[in-house]
Amino acid sequence: MNTTPTDPPSCGASHVDAGHCPLCGQPNLCAMEQARLTGQPECGPCWCTQATFGADLLARVPEQARGKSCICARCASSH
């Protein structure tokens, strides 16, 4: 009987910090993430709800961070 585990879910997984930009690593100032962390409601919509993110910029986000970490305003405005 083989008791060796086969690829446990955590094997090779990397932690994604939702409070930091996946492109530059700086704080992304995501209001939704801050509300989640603090338990306090947002005081208004996040800046990103009014921003446009081009397909070329989104393609630069590492696969493991897609849908988990917001791009910061600086990176969004520089592309």
PDB file of N, CA and C in Angstrom:
ATOM      1  N   MET A   1       0.846  -1.184   0.000  1.00  0.00           N
ATOM      2  CA  MET A   1       0.000   0.000   0.000  1.00  0.00           C
ATOM      3  C   MET A   1       0.885   1.239   0.000  1.00  0.00           C
ATOM      4  N   ASN A   2       0.609   2.161  -0.898  1.00  0.00           N
ATOM      5  CA  ASN A   2       1.380   3.389  -1.002  1.00  0.00           C
ATOM      6  C   ASN A   2       0.760   4.444  -0.096  1.00  0.00           C
ATOM      7  N   THR A   3       1.553   4.937   0.873  1.00  0.00           N
ATOM      8  CA  THR A   3       1.042   5.951   1.798  1.00  0.00           C
ATOM      9  C   THR A   3       1.627   7.329   1.511  1.00  0.00           C
ATOM     10  N   THR A   4       2.333   7.457   0.414  1.00  0.00           N
ATOM     11  CA  THR A   4       2.915   8.745   0.056  1.00  0.00           C
ATOM     12  C   THR A   4       1.823   9.667  -0.480  1.00  0.00           C
ATOM     13  N   PRO A   5       1.676  10.859   0.136  1.00  0.00           N
ATOM     14  CA  PRO A   5       0.636  11.776  -0.357  1.00  0.00           C
ATOM     15  C   PRO A   5       0.973  12.255  -1.769  1.00  0.00           C
ATOM     16  N   THR A   6      -0.061  12.474  -2.543  1.00  0.00           N
ATOM     17  CA  THR A   6       0.145  12.954  -3.906  1.00  0.00           C
ATOM     18  C   THR A   6      -0.225  14.423  -3.999  1.00  0.00           C
ATOM     19  N   ASP A   7       0.758  15.256  -4.226  1.00  0.00           N
ATOM     20  CA  ASP A   7       0.580  16.688  -4.407  1.00  0.00           C
ATOM     21  C   ASP A   7      -0.435  17.313  -3.456  1.00  0.00           C
ATOM     22  N   PRO A   8      -0.084  17.508  -2.199  1.00  0.00           N
ATOM     23  CA  PRO A   8      -1.011  18.180  -1.286  1.00  0.00           C
ATOM     24  C   PRO A   8      -1.318  19.587  -1.790  1.00  0.00           C
ATOM     25  N   PRO A   9      -2.507  20.114  -1.493  1.00  0.00           N
ATOM     26  CA  PRO A   9      -2.921  21.411  -2.009  1.00  0.00           C
ATOM     27  C   PRO A   9      -1.934  22.536  -1.742  1.00  0.00           C
ATOM     28  N   SER A  10      -1.233  22.520  -0.606  1.00  0.00           N
ATOM     29  CA  SER A  10      -0.324  23.607  -0.278  1.00  0.00           C
ATOM     30  C   SER A  10       1.028  23.463  -0.959  1.00  0.00           C
ATOM     31  N   CYS A  11       1.272  22.345  -1.570  1.00  0.00           N
ATOM     32  CA  CYS A  11       2.558  22.090  -2.185  1.00  0.00           C
ATOM     33  C   CYS A  11       2.761  23.009  -3.389  1.00  0.00           C
ATOM     34  N   GLY A  12       3.786  23.843  -3.333  1.00  0.00           N
ATOM     35  CA  GLY A  12       4.086  24.740  -4.431  1.00  0.00           C
ATOM     36  C   GLY A  12       3.229  25.993  -4.471  1.00  0.00           C
ATOM     37  N   ALA A  13       2.275  26.129  -3.571  1.00  0.00           N
ATOM     38  CA  ALA A  13       1.430  27.315  -3.564  1.00  0.00           C
ATOM     39  C   ALA A  13       2.187  28.487  -2.958  1.00  0.00           C
ATOM     40  N   SER A  14       1.968  29.653  -3.500  1.00  0.00           N
ATOM     41  CA  SER A  14       2.606  30.831  -2.940  1.00  0.00           C
ATOM     42  C   SER A  14       1.531  31.757  -2.397  1.00  0.00           C
ATOM     43  N   HIS A  15       1.873  32.471  -1.357  1.00  0.00           N
ATOM     44  CA  HIS A  15       0.938  33.386  -0.720  1.00  0.00           C
ATOM     45  C   HIS A  15       0.798  34.648  -1.559  1.00  0.00           C
ATOM     46  N   VAL A  16      -0.422  35.078  -1.788  1.00  0.00           N
ATOM     47  CA  VAL A  16      -0.678  36.322  -2.499  1.00  0.00           C
ATOM     48  C   VAL A  16      -1.168  37.336  -1.475  1.00  0.00           C
ATOM     49  N   ASP A  17      -0.477  38.463  -1.378  1.00  0.00           N
ATOM     50  CA  ASP A  17      -0.857  39.526  -0.453  1.00  0.00           C
ATOM     51  C   ASP A  17      -1.813  40.465  -1.178  1.00  0.00           C
ATOM     52  N   ALA A  18      -3.088  40.376  -0.853  1.00  0.00           N
ATOM     53  CA  ALA A  18      -4.110  41.160  -1.545  1.00  0.00           C
ATOM     54  C   ALA A  18      -3.981  42.656  -1.287  1.00  0.00           C
ATOM     55  N   GLY A  19      -3.188  43.062  -0.320  1.00  0.00           N
ATOM     56  CA  GLY A  19      -3.009  44.470  -0.011  1.00  0.00           C
ATOM     57  C   GLY A  19      -1.883  45.130  -0.792  1.00  0.00           C
ATOM     58  N   HIS A  20      -1.210  44.348  -1.635  1.00  0.00           N
ATOM     59  CA  HIS A  20      -0.089  44.884  -2.407  1.00  0.00           C
ATOM     60  C   HIS A  20      -0.264  44.606  -3.890  1.00  0.00           C
ATOM     61  N   CYS A  21       0.239  45.523  -4.692  1.00  0.00           N
ATOM     62  CA  CYS A  21       0.150  45.420  -6.144  1.00  0.00           C
ATOM     63  C   CYS A  21       0.960  44.213  -6.619  1.00  0.00           C
ATOM     64  N   PRO A  22       0.380  43.371  -7.462  1.00  0.00           N
ATOM     65  CA  PRO A  22       1.104  42.201  -7.951  1.00  0.00           C
ATOM     66  C   PRO A  22       2.200  42.558  -8.963  1.00  0.00           C
ATOM     67  N   LEU A  23       2.226  43.806  -9.433  1.00  0.00           N
ATOM     68  CA  LEU A  23       3.235  44.208 -10.410  1.00  0.00           C
ATOM     69  C   LEU A  23       4.446  44.873  -9.764  1.00  0.00           C
ATOM     70  N   CYS A  24       4.212  45.804  -8.823  1.00  0.00           N
ATOM     71  CA  CYS A  24       5.340  46.532  -8.225  1.00  0.00           C
ATOM     72  C   CYS A  24       5.575  46.190  -6.759  1.00  0.00           C
ATOM     73  N   GLY A  25       4.606  45.551  -6.105  1.00  0.00           N
ATOM     74  CA  GLY A  25       4.764  45.158  -4.707  1.00  0.00           C
ATOM     75  C   GLY A  25       4.429  46.238  -3.693  1.00  0.00           C
ATOM     76  N   GLN A  26       4.076  47.429  -4.162  1.00  0.00           N
ATOM     77  CA  GLN A  26       3.722  48.518  -3.255  1.00  0.00           C
ATOM     78  C   GLN A  26       2.267  48.353  -2.791  1.00  0.00           C
ATOM     79  N   PRO A  27       1.886  48.982  -1.661  1.00  0.00           N
ATOM     80  CA  PRO A  27       0.488  48.914  -1.222  1.00  0.00           C
ATOM     81  C   PRO A  27      -0.435  49.391  -2.343  1.00  0.00           C
ATOM     82  N   ASN A  28      -1.532  48.663  -2.561  1.00  0.00           N
ATOM     83  CA  ASN A  28      -2.440  49.030  -3.652  1.00  0.00           C
ATOM     84  C   ASN A  28      -3.585  49.932  -3.197  1.00  0.00           C
ATOM     85  N   LEU A  29      -3.700  50.147  -1.894  1.00  0.00           N
ATOM     86  CA  LEU A  29      -4.731  51.021  -1.323  1.00  0.00           C
ATOM     87  C   LEU A  29      -6.135  50.629  -1.743  1.00  0.00           C
ATOM     88  N   CYS A  30      -6.367  49.337  -1.866  1.00  0.00           N
ATOM     89  CA  CYS A  30      -7.677  48.818  -2.238  1.00  0.00           C
ATOM     90  C   CYS A  30      -8.651  48.995  -1.065  1.00  0.00           C
ATOM     91  N   ALA A  31      -9.688  49.794  -1.274  1.00  0.00           N
ATOM     92  CA  ALA A  31     -10.661  50.049  -0.212  1.00  0.00           C
ATOM     93  C   ALA A  31     -11.400  48.780   0.196  1.00  0.00           C
ATOM     94  N   MET A  32     -11.644  47.910  -0.764  1.00  0.00           N
ATOM     95  CA  MET A  32     -12.367  46.673  -0.463  1.00  0.00           C
ATOM     96  C   MET A  32     -11.512  45.745   0.408  1.00  0.00           C
ATOM     97  N   GLU A  33     -10.208  45.680   0.133  1.00  0.00           N
ATOM     98  CA  GLU A  33      -9.316  44.853   0.940  1.00  0.00           C
ATOM     99  C   GLU A  33      -9.162  45.441   2.336  1.00  0.00           C
ATOM    100  N   GLN A  34      -9.062  46.760   2.430  1.00  0.00           N
ATOM    101  CA  GLN A  34      -8.968  47.406   3.743  1.00  0.00           C
ATOM    102  C   GLN A  34     -10.221  47.145   4.570  1.00  0.00           C
ATOM    103  N   ALA A  35     -11.386  47.200   3.944  1.00  0.00           N
ATOM    104  CA  ALA A  35     -12.639  46.913   4.643  1.00  0.00           C
ATOM    105  C   ALA A  35     -12.657  45.469   5.130  1.00  0.00           C
ATOM    106  N   ARG A  36     -12.166  44.557   4.313  1.00  0.00           N
ATOM    107  CA  ARG A  36     -12.126  43.146   4.706  1.00  0.00           C
ATOM    108  C   ARG A  36     -11.179  42.952   5.893  1.00  0.00           C
ATOM    109  N   LEU A  37     -10.019  43.603   5.859  1.00  0.00           N
ATOM    110  CA  LEU A  37      -9.032  43.442   6.922  1.00  0.00           C
ATOM    111  C   LEU A  37      -9.459  44.071   8.237  1.00  0.00           C
ATOM    112  N   THR A  38     -10.073  45.237   8.163  1.00  0.00           N
ATOM    113  CA  THR A  38     -10.427  45.969   9.377  1.00  0.00           C
ATOM    114  C   THR A  38     -11.825  45.660   9.892  1.00  0.00           C
ATOM    115  N   GLY A  39     -12.685  45.122   9.017  1.00  0.00           N
ATOM    116  CA  GLY A  39     -14.066  44.880   9.413  1.00  0.00           C
ATOM    117  C   GLY A  39     -14.901  46.148   9.380  1.00  0.00           C
ATOM    118  N   GLN A  40     -14.297  47.248   8.962  1.00  0.00           N
ATOM    119  CA  GLN A  40     -14.998  48.519   8.863  1.00  0.00           C
ATOM    120  C   GLN A  40     -15.523  48.683   7.440  1.00  0.00           C
ATOM    121  N   PRO A  41     -16.728  49.218   7.295  1.00  0.00           N
ATOM    122  CA  PRO A  41     -17.268  49.405   5.945  1.00  0.00           C
ATOM    123  C   PRO A  41     -16.445  50.437   5.170  1.00  0.00           C
ATOM    124  N   GLU A  42     -16.474  50.303   3.857  1.00  0.00           N
ATOM    125  CA  GLU A  42     -15.793  51.263   2.989  1.00  0.00           C
ATOM    126  C   GLU A  42     -16.470  52.620   3.128  1.00  0.00           C
ATOM    127  N   CYS A  43     -15.679  53.689   3.044  1.00  0.00           N
ATOM    128  CA  CYS A  43     -16.268  55.029   3.137  1.00  0.00           C
ATOM    129  C   CYS A  43     -16.649  55.552   1.765  1.00  0.00           C
ATOM    130  N   GLY A  44     -16.540  54.736   0.778  1.00  0.00           N
ATOM    131  CA  GLY A  44     -16.899  55.105  -0.586  1.00  0.00           C
ATOM    132  C   GLY A  44     -16.364  54.045  -1.518  1.00  0.00           C
ATOM    133  N   PRO A  45     -16.640  54.177  -2.787  1.00  0.00           N
ATOM    134  CA  PRO A  45     -16.134  53.170  -3.727  1.00  0.00           C
ATOM    135  C   PRO A  45     -14.612  53.257  -3.845  1.00  0.00           C
ATOM    136  N   CYS A  46     -14.015  52.153  -4.106  1.00  0.00           N
ATOM    137  CA  CYS A  46     -12.568  52.097  -4.288  1.00  0.00           C
ATOM    138  C   CYS A  46     -12.198  52.851  -5.560  1.00  0.00           C
ATOM    139  N   TRP A  47     -11.016  53.435  -5.586  1.00  0.00           N
ATOM    140  CA  TRP A  47     -10.531  54.171  -6.764  1.00  0.00           C
ATOM    141  C   TRP A  47     -10.583  53.302  -8.015  1.00  0.00           C
ATOM    142  N   CYS A  48     -10.395  51.998  -7.822  1.00  0.00           N
ATOM    143  CA  CYS A  48     -10.300  51.102  -8.975  1.00  0.00           C
ATOM    144  C   CYS A  48     -11.621  50.910  -9.702  1.00  0.00           C
ATOM    145  N   THR A  49     -12.730  51.228  -9.041  1.00  0.00           N
ATOM    146  CA  THR A  49     -14.017  51.063  -9.714  1.00  0.00           C
ATOM    147  C   THR A  49     -14.203  52.102 -10.817  1.00  0.00           C
ATOM    148  N   GLN A  50     -13.405  53.162 -10.793  1.00  0.00           N
ATOM    149  CA  GLN A  50     -13.476  54.205 -11.812  1.00  0.00           C
ATOM    150  C   GLN A  50     -12.315  54.113 -12.802  1.00  0.00           C
ATOM    151  N   ALA A  51     -11.413  53.154 -12.603  1.00  0.00           N
ATOM    152  CA  ALA A  51     -10.224  53.014 -13.445  1.00  0.00           C
ATOM    153  C   ALA A  51     -10.472  52.040 -14.592  1.00  0.00           C
ATOM    154  N   THR A  52      -9.701  52.204 -15.640  1.00  0.00           N
ATOM    155  CA  THR A  52      -9.741  51.289 -16.769  1.00  0.00           C
ATOM    156  C   THR A  52      -8.422  50.526 -16.808  1.00  0.00           C
ATOM    157  N   PHE A  53      -8.503  49.219 -16.850  1.00  0.00           N
ATOM    158  CA  PHE A  53      -7.325  48.362 -16.882  1.00  0.00           C
ATOM    159  C   PHE A  53      -7.271  47.684 -18.247  1.00  0.00           C
ATOM    160  N   GLY A  54      -6.251  48.024 -19.028  1.00  0.00           N
ATOM    161  CA  GLY A  54      -6.112  47.443 -20.358  1.00  0.00           C
ATOM    162  C   GLY A  54      -5.713  45.979 -20.304  1.00  0.00           C
ATOM    163  N   ALA A  55      -6.044  45.272 -21.368  1.00  0.00           N
ATOM    164  CA  ALA A  55      -5.726  43.844 -21.441  1.00  0.00           C
ATOM    165  C   ALA A  55      -4.226  43.591 -21.334  1.00  0.00           C
ATOM    166  N   ASP A  56      -3.403  44.485 -21.902  1.00  0.00           N
ATOM    167  CA  ASP A  56      -1.950  44.309 -21.829  1.00  0.00           C
ATOM    168  C   ASP A  56      -1.442  44.433 -20.397  1.00  0.00           C
ATOM    169  N   LEU A  57      -2.037  45.346 -19.618  1.00  0.00           N
ATOM    170  CA  LEU A  57      -1.649  45.507 -18.209  1.00  0.00           C
ATOM    171  C   LEU A  57      -2.082  44.286 -17.404  1.00  0.00           C
ATOM    172  N   LEU A  58      -3.310  43.844 -17.591  1.00  0.00           N
ATOM    173  CA  LEU A  58      -3.820  42.680 -16.862  1.00  0.00           C
ATOM    174  C   LEU A  58      -3.032  41.419 -17.190  1.00  0.00           C
ATOM    175  N   ALA A  59      -2.550  41.317 -18.407  1.00  0.00           N
ATOM    176  CA  ALA A  59      -1.760  40.147 -18.809  1.00  0.00           C
ATOM    177  C   ALA A  59      -0.427  40.074 -18.077  1.00  0.00           C
ATOM    178  N   ARG A  60       0.048  41.194 -17.558  1.00  0.00           N
ATOM    179  CA  ARG A  60       1.317  41.220 -16.820  1.00  0.00           C
ATOM    180  C   ARG A  60       1.186  40.712 -15.385  1.00  0.00           C
ATOM    181  N   VAL A  61      -0.048  40.599 -14.888  1.00  0.00           N
ATOM    182  CA  VAL A  61      -0.268  40.118 -13.513  1.00  0.00           C
ATOM    183  C   VAL A  61       0.074  38.635 -13.453  1.00  0.00           C
ATOM    184  N   PRO A  62       0.934  38.243 -12.505  1.00  0.00           N
ATOM    185  CA  PRO A  62       1.283  36.830 -12.382  1.00  0.00           C
ATOM    186  C   PRO A  62       0.035  35.966 -12.178  1.00  0.00           C
ATOM    187  N   GLU A  63       0.040  34.801 -12.764  1.00  0.00           N
ATOM    188  CA  GLU A  63      -1.108  33.887 -12.725  1.00  0.00           C
ATOM    189  C   GLU A  63      -1.654  33.688 -11.307  1.00  0.00           C
ATOM    190  N   GLN A  64      -0.766  33.480 -10.319  1.00  0.00           N
ATOM    191  CA  GLN A  64      -1.219  33.192  -8.951  1.00  0.00           C
ATOM    192  C   GLN A  64      -1.888  34.394  -8.286  1.00  0.00           C
ATOM    193  N   ALA A  65      -1.705  35.607  -8.826  1.00  0.00           N
ATOM    194  CA  ALA A  65      -2.307  36.800  -8.224  1.00  0.00           C
ATOM    195  C   ALA A  65      -3.565  37.254  -8.946  1.00  0.00           C
ATOM    196  N   ARG A  66      -3.874  36.666 -10.084  1.00  0.00           N
ATOM    197  CA  ARG A  66      -5.039  37.092 -10.867  1.00  0.00           C
ATOM    198  C   ARG A  66      -6.329  36.849 -10.088  1.00  0.00           C
ATOM    199  N   GLY A  67      -7.101  37.914  -9.968  1.00  0.00           N
ATOM    200  CA  GLY A  67      -8.365  37.835  -9.239  1.00  0.00           C
ATOM    201  C   GLY A  67      -8.200  37.833  -7.732  1.00  0.00           C
ATOM    202  N   LYS A  68      -6.965  38.040  -7.248  1.00  0.00           N
ATOM    203  CA  LYS A  68      -6.709  37.994  -5.807  1.00  0.00           C
ATOM    204  C   LYS A  68      -6.056  39.253  -5.273  1.00  0.00           C
ATOM    205  N   SER A  69      -5.412  40.032  -6.138  1.00  0.00           N
ATOM    206  CA  SER A  69      -4.698  41.223  -5.711  1.00  0.00           C
ATOM    207  C   SER A  69      -4.889  42.333  -6.729  1.00  0.00           C
ATOM    208  N   CYS A  70      -5.208  43.535  -6.250  1.00  0.00           N
ATOM    209  CA  CYS A  70      -5.455  44.672  -7.130  1.00  0.00           C
ATOM    210  C   CYS A  70      -4.163  45.342  -7.581  1.00  0.00           C
ATOM    211  N   ILE A  71      -4.173  45.795  -8.808  1.00  0.00           N
ATOM    212  CA  ILE A  71      -3.080  46.614  -9.332  1.00  0.00           C
ATOM    213  C   ILE A  71      -3.193  47.987  -8.679  1.00  0.00           C
ATOM    214  N   CYS A  72      -2.064  48.604  -8.323  1.00  0.00           N
ATOM    215  CA  CYS A  72      -2.094  49.920  -7.686  1.00  0.00           C
ATOM    216  C   CYS A  72      -2.369  51.020  -8.710  1.00  0.00           C
ATOM    217  N   ALA A  73      -2.753  52.189  -8.225  1.00  0.00           N
ATOM    218  CA  ALA A  73      -3.077  53.318  -9.092  1.00  0.00           C
ATOM    219  C   ALA A  73      -1.867  53.746  -9.919  1.00  0.00           C
ATOM    220  N   ARG A  74      -0.680  53.687  -9.339  1.00  0.00           N
ATOM    221  CA  ARG A  74       0.512  54.100 -10.074  1.00  0.00           C
ATOM    222  C   ARG A  74       0.754  53.206 -11.274  1.00  0.00           C
ATOM    223  N   CYS A  75       0.674  51.899 -11.073  1.00  0.00           N
ATOM    224  CA  CYS A  75       0.866  50.968 -12.192  1.00  0.00           C
ATOM    225  C   CYS A  75      -0.263  51.095 -13.200  1.00  0.00           C
ATOM    226  N   ALA A  76      -1.481  51.294 -12.728  1.00  0.00           N
ATOM    227  CA  ALA A  76      -2.619  51.418 -13.636  1.00  0.00           C
ATOM    228  C   ALA A  76      -2.501  52.668 -14.498  1.00  0.00           C
ATOM    229  N   SER A  77      -2.021  53.758 -13.918  1.00  0.00           N
ATOM    230  CA  SER A  77      -1.945  55.009 -14.672  1.00  0.00           C
ATOM    231  C   SER A  77      -0.711  55.090 -15.568  1.00  0.00           C
ATOM    232  N   SER A  78       0.291  54.270 -15.300  1.00  0.00           N
ATOM    233  CA  SER A  78       1.513  54.328 -16.097  1.00  0.00           C
ATOM    234  C   SER A  78       1.423  53.463 -17.344  1.00  0.00           C
ATOM    235  N   HIS A  79       0.306  52.778 -17.547  1.00  0.00           N
ATOM    236  CA  HIS A  79       0.173  51.903 -18.722  1.00  0.00           C
ATOM    237  C   HIS A  79      -1.082  52.213 -19.482  1.00  0.00           C
TER     238      HIS A  79
END
